[in-house]
Amino acid sequence: YFIQSNLRKGTRKLMEKYDHLDQNGKVMAYYMWIDGTRQNVRGKTKTIDKAEVTSLDDLPMWNFDGSSTNQASGDDSDVFIKPVRIFKDPFRGGKNILVLCECYCPDGTPHPTNRRC
């Protein structure tokens, strides 16, 4: 127990220096969506070149390879994610955000796994 406790304290102290790094006026936006199984949440981080994100208009649509999430075949795999809600990121802190997204096909129609449209 003594060794485990000291290891946790050491890890916590090591990580503290990374918790407050200067982000040079940028925001980390963690885009999140429900995958093709409708049971898993997927996500990836986009760096936004703004000091603060205050509305959905500040966030671009983005895309991902849907073949890795059971949302597309390998020959036509682009799936687009559209931000629909923003929350403060409790894990990264600062001005960083969590972005809930809906999935769309390349032609702009809601993806078949997108049941919220």
PDB file of N, CA and C in Angstrom:
ATOM      1  N   TYR A   1       0.832  -1.199   0.000  1.00  0.00           N
ATOM      2  CA  TYR A   1       0.000   0.000   0.000  1.00  0.00           C
ATOM      3  C   TYR A   1       0.872   1.256   0.000  1.00  0.00           C
ATOM      4  N   PHE A   2       1.934   1.277   0.812  1.00  0.00           N
ATOM      5  CA  PHE A   2       2.806   2.445   0.905  1.00  0.00           C
ATOM      6  C   PHE A   2       3.411   2.786  -0.453  1.00  0.00           C
ATOM      7  N   ILE A   3       3.879   1.773  -1.175  1.00  0.00           N
ATOM      8  CA  ILE A   3       4.497   1.997  -2.491  1.00  0.00           C
ATOM      9  C   ILE A   3       3.454   2.506  -3.486  1.00  0.00           C
ATOM     10  N   GLN A   4       2.251   1.898  -3.521  1.00  0.00           N
ATOM     11  CA  GLN A   4       1.201   2.331  -4.431  1.00  0.00           C
ATOM     12  C   GLN A   4       0.796   3.777  -4.162  1.00  0.00           C
ATOM     13  N   SER A   5       0.667   4.122  -2.894  1.00  0.00           N
ATOM     14  CA  SER A   5       0.287   5.481  -2.529  1.00  0.00           C
ATOM     15  C   SER A   5       1.330   6.482  -3.003  1.00  0.00           C
ATOM     16  N   ASN A   6       2.590   6.182  -2.805  1.00  0.00           N
ATOM     17  CA  ASN A   6       3.657   7.081  -3.249  1.00  0.00           C
ATOM     18  C   ASN A   6       3.734   7.166  -4.769  1.00  0.00           C
ATOM     19  N   LEU A   7       3.469   6.056  -5.454  1.00  0.00           N
ATOM     20  CA  LEU A   7       3.452   6.092  -6.914  1.00  0.00           C
ATOM     21  C   LEU A   7       2.342   7.000  -7.421  1.00  0.00           C
ATOM     22  N   ARG A   8       1.150   6.914  -6.809  1.00  0.00           N
ATOM     23  CA  ARG A   8       0.041   7.782  -7.208  1.00  0.00           C
ATOM     24  C   ARG A   8       0.387   9.246  -6.980  1.00  0.00           C
ATOM     25  N   LYS A   9       0.996   9.547  -5.839  1.00  0.00           N
ATOM     26  CA  LYS A   9       1.393  10.926  -5.546  1.00  0.00           C
ATOM     27  C   LYS A   9       2.425  11.405  -6.554  1.00  0.00           C
ATOM     28  N   GLY A  10       3.388  10.547  -6.889  1.00  0.00           N
ATOM     29  CA  GLY A  10       4.418  10.907  -7.856  1.00  0.00           C
ATOM     30  C   GLY A  10       3.842  11.147  -9.238  1.00  0.00           C
ATOM     31  N   THR A  11       2.909  10.303  -9.654  1.00  0.00           N
ATOM     32  CA  THR A  11       2.259  10.460 -10.956  1.00  0.00           C
ATOM     33  C   THR A  11       1.449  11.742 -10.986  1.00  0.00           C
ATOM     34  N   ARG A  12       0.714  12.003  -9.912  1.00  0.00           N
ATOM     35  CA  ARG A  12      -0.092  13.219  -9.834  1.00  0.00           C
ATOM     36  C   ARG A  12       0.797  14.453  -9.942  1.00  0.00           C
ATOM     37  N   LYS A  13       1.926  14.458  -9.230  1.00  0.00           N
ATOM     38  CA  LYS A  13       2.840  15.595  -9.259  1.00  0.00           C
ATOM     39  C   LYS A  13       3.441  15.763 -10.653  1.00  0.00           C
ATOM     40  N   LEU A  14       3.785  14.665 -11.293  1.00  0.00           N
ATOM     41  CA  LEU A  14       4.333  14.715 -12.643  1.00  0.00           C
ATOM     42  C   LEU A  14       3.319  15.306 -13.620  1.00  0.00           C
ATOM     43  N   MET A  15       2.069  14.910 -13.502  1.00  0.00           N
ATOM     44  CA  MET A  15       1.035  15.368 -14.424  1.00  0.00           C
ATOM     45  C   MET A  15       0.620  16.813 -14.190  1.00  0.00           C
ATOM     46  N   GLU A  16       0.804  17.337 -12.984  1.00  0.00           N
ATOM     47  CA  GLU A  16       0.402  18.713 -12.675  1.00  0.00           C
ATOM     48  C   GLU A  16       1.050  19.714 -13.620  1.00  0.00           C
ATOM     49  N   LYS A  17       2.300  19.487 -13.987  1.00  0.00           N
ATOM     50  CA  LYS A  17       2.970  20.456 -14.870  1.00  0.00           C
ATOM     51  C   LYS A  17       2.345  20.479 -16.257  1.00  0.00           C
ATOM     52  N   TYR A  18       1.686  19.394 -16.671  1.00  0.00           N
ATOM     53  CA  TYR A  18       1.047  19.350 -17.979  1.00  0.00           C
ATOM     54  C   TYR A  18      -0.380  19.891 -17.955  1.00  0.00           C
ATOM     55  N   ASP A  19      -0.966  19.969 -16.781  1.00  0.00           N
ATOM     56  CA  ASP A  19      -2.336  20.459 -16.651  1.00  0.00           C
ATOM     57  C   ASP A  19      -2.473  21.942 -16.955  1.00  0.00           C
ATOM     58  N   HIS A  20      -1.399  22.682 -16.876  1.00  0.00           N
ATOM     59  CA  HIS A  20      -1.489  24.140 -17.023  1.00  0.00           C
ATOM     60  C   HIS A  20      -0.557  24.671 -18.102  1.00  0.00           C
ATOM     61  N   LEU A  21      -0.340  23.904 -19.157  1.00  0.00           N
ATOM     62  CA  LEU A  21       0.506  24.377 -20.257  1.00  0.00           C
ATOM     63  C   LEU A  21      -0.194  25.502 -21.008  1.00  0.00           C
ATOM     64  N   ASP A  22       0.587  26.441 -21.492  1.00  0.00           N
ATOM     65  CA  ASP A  22       0.053  27.529 -22.299  1.00  0.00           C
ATOM     66  C   ASP A  22      -0.424  26.963 -23.633  1.00  0.00           C
ATOM     67  N   GLN A  23      -1.659  27.230 -24.000  1.00  0.00           N
ATOM     68  CA  GLN A  23      -2.211  26.734 -25.252  1.00  0.00           C
ATOM     69  C   GLN A  23      -2.110  27.771 -26.363  1.00  0.00           C
ATOM     70  N   ASN A  24      -1.380  28.831 -26.114  1.00  0.00           N
ATOM     71  CA  ASN A  24      -1.120  29.856 -27.139  1.00  0.00           C
ATOM     72  C   ASN A  24      -2.390  30.378 -27.805  1.00  0.00           C
ATOM     73  N   GLY A  25      -3.407  30.651 -27.001  1.00  0.00           N
ATOM     74  CA  GLY A  25      -4.639  31.239 -27.537  1.00  0.00           C
ATOM     75  C   GLY A  25      -5.480  30.288 -28.354  1.00  0.00           C
ATOM     76  N   LYS A  26      -5.348  28.996 -28.123  1.00  0.00           N
ATOM     77  CA  LYS A  26      -6.122  28.001 -28.867  1.00  0.00           C
ATOM     78  C   LYS A  26      -6.960  27.158 -27.909  1.00  0.00           C
ATOM     79  N   VAL A  27      -7.975  26.535 -28.468  1.00  0.00           N
ATOM     80  CA  VAL A  27      -8.882  25.694 -27.701  1.00  0.00           C
ATOM     81  C   VAL A  27      -8.820  24.274 -28.253  1.00  0.00           C
ATOM     82  N   MET A  28      -8.800  23.293 -27.359  1.00  0.00           N
ATOM     83  CA  MET A  28      -8.929  21.896 -27.774  1.00  0.00           C
ATOM     84  C   MET A  28     -10.410  21.534 -27.692  1.00  0.00           C
ATOM     85  N   ALA A  29     -10.965  21.152 -28.841  1.00  0.00           N
ATOM     86  CA  ALA A  29     -12.367  20.770 -28.920  1.00  0.00           C
ATOM     87  C   ALA A  29     -12.437  19.266 -29.162  1.00  0.00           C
ATOM     88  N   TYR A  30     -13.007  18.531 -28.209  1.00  0.00           N
ATOM     89  CA  TYR A  30     -13.125  17.084 -28.336  1.00  0.00           C
ATOM     90  C   TYR A  30     -14.481  16.764 -28.947  1.00  0.00           C
ATOM     91  N   TYR A  31     -14.487  16.456 -30.246  1.00  0.00           N
ATOM     92  CA  TYR A  31     -15.702  16.116 -30.983  1.00  0.00           C
ATOM     93  C   TYR A  31     -16.106  14.682 -30.617  1.00  0.00           C
ATOM     94  N   MET A  32     -17.372  14.483 -30.249  1.00  0.00           N
ATOM     95  CA  MET A  32     -17.874  13.162 -29.829  1.00  0.00           C
ATOM     96  C   MET A  32     -19.119  12.804 -30.624  1.00  0.00           C
ATOM     97  N   TRP A  33     -19.237  11.515 -30.985  1.00  0.00           N
ATOM     98  CA  TRP A  33     -20.409  11.037 -31.699  1.00  0.00           C
ATOM     99  C   TRP A  33     -20.660   9.580 -31.348  1.00  0.00           C
ATOM    100  N   ILE A  34     -21.879   9.096 -31.636  1.00  0.00           N
ATOM    101  CA  ILE A  34     -22.230   7.704 -31.416  1.00  0.00           C
ATOM    102  C   ILE A  34     -21.891   6.940 -32.685  1.00  0.00           C
ATOM    103  N   ASP A  35     -21.228   5.790 -32.537  1.00  0.00           N
ATOM    104  CA  ASP A  35     -20.775   5.051 -33.720  1.00  0.00           C
ATOM    105  C   ASP A  35     -21.879   4.173 -34.313  1.00  0.00           C
ATOM    106  N   GLY A  36     -21.516   3.397 -35.312  1.00  0.00           N
ATOM    107  CA  GLY A  36     -22.475   2.584 -36.046  1.00  0.00           C
ATOM    108  C   GLY A  36     -23.124   1.482 -35.244  1.00  0.00           C
ATOM    109  N   THR A  37     -22.524   1.075 -34.135  1.00  0.00           N
ATOM    110  CA  THR A  37     -23.147   0.052 -33.289  1.00  0.00           C
ATOM    111  C   THR A  37     -24.250   0.648 -32.438  1.00  0.00           C
ATOM    112  N   ARG A  38     -24.261   1.972 -32.344  1.00  0.00           N
ATOM    113  CA  ARG A  38     -25.179   2.746 -31.489  1.00  0.00           C
ATOM    114  C   ARG A  38     -24.978   2.433 -30.010  1.00  0.00           C
ATOM    115  N   GLN A  39     -23.807   1.869 -29.674  1.00  0.00           N
ATOM    116  CA  GLN A  39     -23.507   1.531 -28.288  1.00  0.00           C
ATOM    117  C   GLN A  39     -22.231   2.198 -27.788  1.00  0.00           C
ATOM    118  N   ASN A  40     -21.424   2.696 -28.703  1.00  0.00           N
ATOM    119  CA  ASN A  40     -20.131   3.277 -28.323  1.00  0.00           C
ATOM    120  C   ASN A  40     -20.063   4.749 -28.684  1.00  0.00           C
ATOM    121  N   VAL A  41     -19.351   5.487 -27.864  1.00  0.00           N
ATOM    122  CA  VAL A  41     -19.081   6.894 -28.164  1.00  0.00           C
ATOM    123  C   VAL A  41     -17.668   6.970 -28.718  1.00  0.00           C
ATOM    124  N   ARG A  42     -17.525   7.648 -29.829  1.00  0.00           N
ATOM    125  CA  ARG A  42     -16.215   7.853 -30.451  1.00  0.00           C
ATOM    126  C   ARG A  42     -15.865   9.323 -30.327  1.00  0.00           C
ATOM    127  N   GLY A  43     -14.596   9.642 -30.536  1.00  0.00           N
ATOM    128  CA  GLY A  43     -14.210  11.040 -30.471  1.00  0.00           C
ATOM    129  C   GLY A  43     -12.816  11.286 -30.984  1.00  0.00           C
ATOM    130  N   LYS A  44     -12.565  12.543 -31.309  1.00  0.00           N
ATOM    131  CA  LYS A  44     -11.233  12.992 -31.683  1.00  0.00           C
ATOM    132  C   LYS A  44     -11.136  14.482 -31.395  1.00  0.00           C
ATOM    133  N   THR A  45      -9.916  14.942 -31.215  1.00  0.00           N
ATOM    134  CA  THR A  45      -9.685  16.324 -30.805  1.00  0.00           C
ATOM    135  C   THR A  45      -9.275  17.189 -31.983  1.00  0.00           C
ATOM    136  N   LYS A  46      -9.874  18.360 -32.074  1.00  0.00           N
ATOM    137  CA  LYS A  46      -9.526  19.359 -33.089  1.00  0.00           C
ATOM    138  C   LYS A  46      -9.037  20.607 -32.366  1.00  0.00           C
ATOM    139  N   THR A  47      -7.927  21.150 -32.809  1.00  0.00           N
ATOM    140  CA  THR A  47      -7.419  22.398 -32.238  1.00  0.00           C
ATOM    141  C   THR A  47      -8.081  23.556 -32.972  1.00  0.00           C
ATOM    142  N   ILE A  48      -8.736  24.413 -32.217  1.00  0.00           N
ATOM    143  CA  ILE A  48      -9.436  25.573 -32.770  1.00  0.00           C
ATOM    144  C   ILE A  48      -8.568  26.800 -32.533  1.00  0.00           C
ATOM    145  N   ASP A  49      -8.322  27.554 -33.580  1.00  0.00           N
ATOM    146  CA  ASP A  49      -7.436  28.712 -33.509  1.00  0.00           C
ATOM    147  C   ASP A  49      -8.189  29.950 -33.020  1.00  0.00           C
ATOM    148  N   LYS A  50      -8.699  29.841 -31.796  1.00  0.00           N
ATOM    149  CA  LYS A  50      -9.408  30.937 -31.126  1.00  0.00           C
ATOM    150  C   LYS A  50      -9.077  30.843 -29.648  1.00  0.00           C
ATOM    151  N   ALA A  51      -9.124  31.960 -28.962  1.00  0.00           N
ATOM    152  CA  ALA A  51      -8.855  31.961 -27.527  1.00  0.00           C
ATOM    153  C   ALA A  51     -10.017  31.368 -26.742  1.00  0.00           C
ATOM    154  N   GLU A  52     -11.229  31.417 -27.329  1.00  0.00           N
ATOM    155  CA  GLU A  52     -12.409  30.886 -26.658  1.00  0.00           C
ATOM    156  C   GLU A  52     -13.472  30.574 -27.704  1.00  0.00           C
ATOM    157  N   VAL A  53     -14.178  29.480 -27.518  1.00  0.00           N
ATOM    158  CA  VAL A  53     -15.303  29.122 -28.386  1.00  0.00           C
ATOM    159  C   VAL A  53     -16.569  29.464 -27.624  1.00  0.00           C
ATOM    160  N   THR A  54     -17.395  30.329 -28.210  1.00  0.00           N
ATOM    161  CA  THR A  54     -18.600  30.779 -27.515  1.00  0.00           C
ATOM    162  C   THR A  54     -19.897  30.316 -28.164  1.00  0.00           C
ATOM    163  N   SER A  55     -19.810  29.800 -29.402  1.00  0.00           N
ATOM    164  CA  SER A  55     -21.029  29.316 -30.060  1.00  0.00           C
ATOM    165  C   SER A  55     -20.683  28.226 -31.067  1.00  0.00           C
ATOM    166  N   LEU A  56     -21.716  27.534 -31.515  1.00  0.00           N
ATOM    167  CA  LEU A  56     -21.521  26.492 -32.526  1.00  0.00           C
ATOM    168  C   LEU A  56     -20.966  27.060 -33.826  1.00  0.00           C
ATOM    169  N   ASP A  57     -21.235  28.336 -34.075  1.00  0.00           N
ATOM    170  CA  ASP A  57     -20.718  28.978 -35.289  1.00  0.00           C
ATOM    171  C   ASP A  57     -19.194  29.039 -35.321  1.00  0.00           C
ATOM    172  N   ASP A  58     -18.561  28.905 -34.163  1.00  0.00           N
ATOM    173  CA  ASP A  58     -17.098  28.926 -34.078  1.00  0.00           C
ATOM    174  C   ASP A  58     -16.477  27.582 -34.461  1.00  0.00           C
ATOM    175  N   LEU A  59     -17.310  26.559 -34.630  1.00  0.00           N
ATOM    176  CA  LEU A  59     -16.810  25.201 -34.865  1.00  0.00           C
ATOM    177  C   LEU A  59     -17.142  24.712 -36.272  1.00  0.00           C
ATOM    178  N   PRO A  60     -16.153  24.207 -36.987  1.00  0.00           N
ATOM    179  CA  PRO A  60     -16.428  23.670 -38.326  1.00  0.00           C
ATOM    180  C   PRO A  60     -16.963  22.239 -38.260  1.00  0.00           C
ATOM    181  N   MET A  61     -17.645  21.841 -39.347  1.00  0.00           N
ATOM    182  CA  MET A  61     -17.933  20.419 -39.505  1.00  0.00           C
ATOM    183  C   MET A  61     -16.596  19.741 -39.726  1.00  0.00           C
ATOM    184  N   TRP A  62     -16.539  18.456 -39.466  1.00  0.00           N
ATOM    185  CA  TRP A  62     -15.296  17.700 -39.611  1.00  0.00           C
ATOM    186  C   TRP A  62     -15.674  16.347 -40.175  1.00  0.00           C
ATOM    187  N   ASN A  63     -14.704  15.524 -40.498  1.00  0.00           N
ATOM    188  CA  ASN A  63     -15.047  14.199 -40.998  1.00  0.00           C
ATOM    189  C   ASN A  63     -14.145  13.138 -40.384  1.00  0.00           C
ATOM    190  N   PHE A  64     -14.533  11.883 -40.599  1.00  0.00           N
ATOM    191  CA  PHE A  64     -13.729  10.758 -40.131  1.00  0.00           C
ATOM    192  C   PHE A  64     -13.973   9.586 -41.069  1.00  0.00           C
ATOM    193  N   ASP A  65     -13.165   8.562 -40.925  1.00  0.00           N
ATOM    194  CA  ASP A  65     -13.275   7.349 -41.728  1.00  0.00           C
ATOM    195  C   ASP A  65     -14.319   6.440 -41.095  1.00  0.00           C
ATOM    196  N   GLY A  66     -15.495   6.402 -41.669  1.00  0.00           N
ATOM    197  CA  GLY A  66     -16.601   5.640 -41.107  1.00  0.00           C
ATOM    198  C   GLY A  66     -16.427   4.136 -41.169  1.00  0.00           C
ATOM    199  N   SER A  67     -15.459   3.653 -41.965  1.00  0.00           N
ATOM    200  CA  SER A  67     -15.263   2.200 -42.027  1.00  0.00           C
ATOM    201  C   SER A  67     -14.711   1.669 -40.705  1.00  0.00           C
ATOM    202  N   SER A  68     -14.076   2.517 -39.923  1.00  0.00           N
ATOM    203  CA  SER A  68     -13.525   2.074 -38.638  1.00  0.00           C
ATOM    204  C   SER A  68     -14.551   2.136 -37.505  1.00  0.00           C
ATOM    205  N   THR A  69     -15.731   2.684 -37.790  1.00  0.00           N
ATOM    206  CA  THR A  69     -16.764   2.818 -36.748  1.00  0.00           C
ATOM    207  C   THR A  69     -18.069   2.124 -37.136  1.00  0.00           C
ATOM    208  N   ASN A  70     -18.019   1.250 -38.137  1.00  0.00           N
ATOM    209  CA  ASN A  70     -19.209   0.544 -38.640  1.00  0.00           C
ATOM    210  C   ASN A  70     -20.253   1.500 -39.211  1.00  0.00           C
ATOM    211  N   GLN A  71     -19.795   2.593 -39.836  1.00  0.00           N
ATOM    212  CA  GLN A  71     -20.725   3.560 -40.401  1.00  0.00           C
ATOM    213  C   GLN A  71     -20.542   3.746 -41.900  1.00  0.00           C
ATOM    214  N   ALA A  72     -19.591   3.015 -42.506  1.00  0.00           N
ATOM    215  CA  ALA A  72     -19.380   3.126 -43.947  1.00  0.00           C
ATOM    216  C   ALA A  72     -18.538   1.954 -44.429  1.00  0.00           C
ATOM    217  N   SER A  73     -18.631   1.688 -45.730  1.00  0.00           N
ATOM    218  CA  SER A  73     -17.772   0.665 -46.323  1.00  0.00           C
ATOM    219  C   SER A  73     -16.407   1.274 -46.612  1.00  0.00           C
ATOM    220  N   GLY A  74     -15.431   0.455 -46.866  1.00  0.00           N
ATOM    221  CA  GLY A  74     -14.068   0.943 -47.073  1.00  0.00           C
ATOM    222  C   GLY A  74     -13.872   1.733 -48.348  1.00  0.00           C
ATOM    223  N   ASP A  75     -14.733   1.538 -49.355  1.00  0.00           N
ATOM    224  CA  ASP A  75     -14.540   2.237 -50.625  1.00  0.00           C
ATOM    225  C   ASP A  75     -15.177   3.622 -50.651  1.00  0.00           C
ATOM    226  N   ASP A  76     -16.054   3.914 -49.737  1.00  0.00           N
ATOM    227  CA  ASP A  76     -16.718   5.222 -49.662  1.00  0.00           C
ATOM    228  C   ASP A  76     -16.949   5.517 -48.185  1.00  0.00           C
ATOM    229  N   SER A  77     -15.895   5.936 -47.498  1.00  0.00           N
ATOM    230  CA  SER A  77     -15.945   5.896 -46.038  1.00  0.00           C
ATOM    231  C   SER A  77     -16.065   7.241 -45.320  1.00  0.00           C
ATOM    232  N   ASP A  78     -16.179   8.338 -46.052  1.00  0.00           N
ATOM    233  CA  ASP A  78     -16.288   9.625 -45.359  1.00  0.00           C
ATOM    234  C   ASP A  78     -17.627   9.764 -44.643  1.00  0.00           C
ATOM    235  N   VAL A  79     -17.559  10.125 -43.376  1.00  0.00           N
ATOM    236  CA  VAL A  79     -18.729  10.495 -42.591  1.00  0.00           C
ATOM    237  C   VAL A  79     -18.409  11.854 -41.987  1.00  0.00           C
ATOM    238  N   PHE A  80     -19.368  12.769 -42.053  1.00  0.00           N
ATOM    239  CA  PHE A  80     -19.151  14.119 -41.543  1.00  0.00           C
ATOM    240  C   PHE A  80     -19.823  14.271 -40.187  1.00  0.00           C
ATOM    241  N   ILE A  81     -19.165  15.015 -39.304  1.00  0.00           N
ATOM    242  CA  ILE A  81     -19.723  15.272 -37.977  1.00  0.00           C
ATOM    243  C   ILE A  81     -19.988  16.767 -37.827  1.00  0.00           C
ATOM    244  N   LYS A  82     -21.214  17.050 -37.422  1.00  0.00           N
ATOM    245  CA  LYS A  82     -21.670  18.428 -37.257  1.00  0.00           C
ATOM    246  C   LYS A  82     -21.874  18.723 -35.778  1.00  0.00           C
ATOM    247  N   PRO A  83     -21.181  19.729 -35.241  1.00  0.00           N
ATOM    248  CA  PRO A  83     -21.381  20.099 -33.837  1.00  0.00           C
ATOM    249  C   PRO A  83     -22.818  20.546 -33.575  1.00  0.00           C
ATOM    250  N   VAL A  84     -23.400  20.032 -32.485  1.00  0.00           N
ATOM    251  CA  VAL A  84     -24.761  20.430 -32.113  1.00  0.00           C
ATOM    252  C   VAL A  84     -24.875  20.920 -30.674  1.00  0.00           C
ATOM    253  N   ARG A  85     -23.848  20.674 -29.851  1.00  0.00           N
ATOM    254  CA  ARG A  85     -23.898  21.131 -28.455  1.00  0.00           C
ATOM    255  C   ARG A  85     -22.484  21.232 -27.899  1.00  0.00           C
ATOM    256  N   ILE A  86     -22.233  22.234 -27.086  1.00  0.00           N
ATOM    257  CA  ILE A  86     -20.912  22.479 -26.496  1.00  0.00           C
ATOM    258  C   ILE A  86     -21.019  22.426 -24.972  1.00  0.00           C
ATOM    259  N   PHE A  87     -20.013  21.812 -24.352  1.00  0.00           N
ATOM    260  CA  PHE A  87     -19.900  21.788 -22.890  1.00  0.00           C
ATOM    261  C   PHE A  87     -18.462  22.096 -22.501  1.00  0.00           C
ATOM    262  N   LYS A  88     -18.258  22.688 -21.342  1.00  0.00           N
ATOM    263  CA  LYS A  88     -16.905  22.865 -20.817  1.00  0.00           C
ATOM    264  C   LYS A  88     -16.291  21.493 -20.602  1.00  0.00           C
ATOM    265  N   ASP A  89     -15.018  21.364 -20.922  1.00  0.00           N
ATOM    266  CA  ASP A  89     -14.325  20.079 -20.750  1.00  0.00           C
ATOM    267  C   ASP A  89     -13.831  19.966 -19.307  1.00  0.00           C
ATOM    268  N   PRO A  90     -14.453  19.097 -18.500  1.00  0.00           N
ATOM    269  CA  PRO A  90     -14.039  18.981 -17.101  1.00  0.00           C
ATOM    270  C   PRO A  90     -12.718  18.242 -16.928  1.00  0.00           C
ATOM    271  N   PHE A  91     -12.248  17.574 -17.965  1.00  0.00           N
ATOM    272  CA  PHE A  91     -11.009  16.801 -17.885  1.00  0.00           C
ATOM    273  C   PHE A  91      -9.795  17.639 -18.254  1.00  0.00           C
ATOM    274  N   ARG A  92      -9.906  18.414 -19.323  1.00  0.00           N
ATOM    275  CA  ARG A  92      -8.787  19.257 -19.764  1.00  0.00           C
ATOM    276  C   ARG A  92      -8.825  20.643 -19.139  1.00  0.00           C
ATOM    277  N   GLY A  93     -10.001  21.048 -18.692  1.00  0.00           N
ATOM    278  CA  GLY A  93     -10.120  22.343 -18.019  1.00  0.00           C
ATOM    279  C   GLY A  93      -9.887  23.519 -18.949  1.00  0.00           C
ATOM    280  N   GLY A  94      -9.659  24.663 -18.349  1.00  0.00           N
ATOM    281  CA  GLY A  94      -9.424  25.890 -19.115  1.00  0.00           C
ATOM    282  C   GLY A  94     -10.589  26.224 -20.027  1.00  0.00           C
ATOM    283  N   LYS A  95     -10.279  26.695 -21.221  1.00  0.00           N
ATOM    284  CA  LYS A  95     -11.303  27.051 -22.210  1.00  0.00           C
ATOM    285  C   LYS A  95     -11.627  25.880 -23.136  1.00  0.00           C
ATOM    286  N   ASN A  96     -11.058  24.706 -22.869  1.00  0.00           N
ATOM    287  CA  ASN A  96     -11.279  23.541 -23.712  1.00  0.00           C
ATOM    288  C   ASN A  96     -12.716  23.056 -23.590  1.00  0.00           C
ATOM    289  N   ILE A  97     -13.209  22.386 -24.648  1.00  0.00           N
ATOM    290  CA  ILE A  97     -14.619  22.026 -24.701  1.00  0.00           C
ATOM    291  C   ILE A  97     -14.838  20.590 -25.182  1.00  0.00           C
ATOM    292  N   LEU A  98     -15.997  20.054 -24.805  1.00  0.00           N
ATOM    293  CA  LEU A  98     -16.521  18.814 -25.364  1.00  0.00           C
ATOM    294  C   LEU A  98     -17.587  19.218 -26.368  1.00  0.00           C
ATOM    295  N   VAL A  99     -17.591  18.578 -27.532  1.00  0.00           N
ATOM    296  CA  VAL A  99     -18.516  18.941 -28.604  1.00  0.00           C
ATOM    297  C   VAL A  99     -19.327  17.705 -28.989  1.00  0.00           C
ATOM    298  N   LEU A 100     -20.618  17.715 -28.700  1.00  0.00           N
ATOM    299  CA  LEU A 100     -21.483  16.626 -29.124  1.00  0.00           C
ATOM    300  C   LEU A 100     -21.856  16.845 -30.579  1.00  0.00           C
ATOM    301  N   CYS A 101     -21.771  15.778 -31.378  1.00  0.00           N
ATOM    302  CA  CYS A 101     -21.962  15.903 -32.821  1.00  0.00           C
ATOM    303  C   CYS A 101     -22.995  14.919 -33.341  1.00  0.00           C
ATOM    304  N   GLU A 102     -23.563  15.254 -34.503  1.00  0.00           N
ATOM    305  CA  GLU A 102     -24.417  14.356 -35.255  1.00  0.00           C
ATOM    306  C   GLU A 102     -23.679  13.970 -36.528  1.00  0.00           C
ATOM    307  N   CYS A 103     -23.958  12.779 -37.035  1.00  0.00           N
ATOM    308  CA  CYS A 103     -23.270  12.266 -38.215  1.00  0.00           C
ATOM    309  C   CYS A 103     -24.099  12.498 -39.480  1.00  0.00           C
ATOM    310  N   TYR A 104     -23.393  12.852 -40.566  1.00  0.00           N
ATOM    311  CA  TYR A 104     -24.021  13.112 -41.853  1.00  0.00           C
ATOM    312  C   TYR A 104     -23.263  12.413 -42.971  1.00  0.00           C
ATOM    313  N   CYS A 105     -23.995  12.070 -44.022  1.00  0.00           N
ATOM    314  CA  CYS A 105     -23.394  11.500 -45.224  1.00  0.00           C
ATOM    315  C   CYS A 105     -22.749  12.629 -46.034  1.00  0.00           C
ATOM    316  N   PRO A 106     -21.858  12.280 -46.978  1.00  0.00           N
ATOM    317  CA  PRO A 106     -21.212  13.320 -47.794  1.00  0.00           C
ATOM    318  C   PRO A 106     -22.199  14.188 -48.585  1.00  0.00           C
ATOM    319  N   ASP A 107     -23.380  13.662 -48.895  1.00  0.00           N
ATOM    320  CA  ASP A 107     -24.361  14.470 -49.646  1.00  0.00           C
ATOM    321  C   ASP A 107     -25.160  15.416 -48.750  1.00  0.00           C
ATOM    322  N   GLY A 108     -24.855  15.421 -47.445  1.00  0.00           N
ATOM    323  CA  GLY A 108     -25.500  16.346 -46.521  1.00  0.00           C
ATOM    324  C   GLY A 108     -26.723  15.788 -45.815  1.00  0.00           C
ATOM    325  N   THR A 109     -27.128  14.570 -46.155  1.00  0.00           N
ATOM    326  CA  THR A 109     -28.274  13.959 -45.485  1.00  0.00           C
ATOM    327  C   THR A 109     -27.835  13.332 -44.172  1.00  0.00           C
ATOM    328  N   PRO A 110     -28.734  13.230 -43.200  1.00  0.00           N
ATOM    329  CA  PRO A 110     -28.372  12.578 -41.947  1.00  0.00           C
ATOM    330  C   PRO A 110     -27.936  11.125 -42.194  1.00  0.00           C
ATOM    331  N   HIS A 111     -26.912  10.713 -41.507  1.00  0.00           N
ATOM    332  CA  HIS A 111     -26.445   9.333 -41.630  1.00  0.00           C
ATOM    333  C   HIS A 111     -27.511   8.386 -41.074  1.00  0.00           C
ATOM    334  N   PRO A 112     -27.652   7.183 -41.632  1.00  0.00           N
ATOM    335  CA  PRO A 112     -28.676   6.249 -41.113  1.00  0.00           C
ATOM    336  C   PRO A 112     -28.574   5.950 -39.622  1.00  0.00           C
ATOM    337  N   THR A 113     -27.376   6.066 -39.047  1.00  0.00           N
ATOM    338  CA  THR A 113     -27.235   5.838 -37.600  1.00  0.00           C
ATOM    339  C   THR A 113     -27.590   7.073 -36.776  1.00  0.00           C
ATOM    340  N   ASN A 114     -27.863   8.176 -37.439  1.00  0.00           N
ATOM    341  CA  ASN A 114     -28.187   9.433 -36.762  1.00  0.00           C
ATOM    342  C   ASN A 114     -29.688   9.479 -36.511  1.00  0.00           C
ATOM    343  N   ARG A 115     -30.109   9.098 -35.339  1.00  0.00           N
ATOM    344  CA  ARG A 115     -31.528   9.031 -35.006  1.00  0.00           C
ATOM    345  C   ARG A 115     -32.049  10.315 -34.372  1.00  0.00           C
ATOM    346  N   ARG A 116     -31.208  11.321 -34.263  1.00  0.00           N
ATOM    347  CA  ARG A 116     -31.599  12.557 -33.591  1.00  0.00           C
ATOM    348  C   ARG A 116     -32.084  13.622 -34.558  1.00  0.00           C
ATOM    349  N   CYS A 117     -31.976  13.387 -35.866  1.00  0.00           N
ATOM    350  CA  CYS A 117     -32.412  14.394 -36.854  1.00  0.00           C
ATOM    351  C   CYS A 117     -33.858  14.191 -37.224  1.00  0.00           C
TER     352      CYS A 117
END
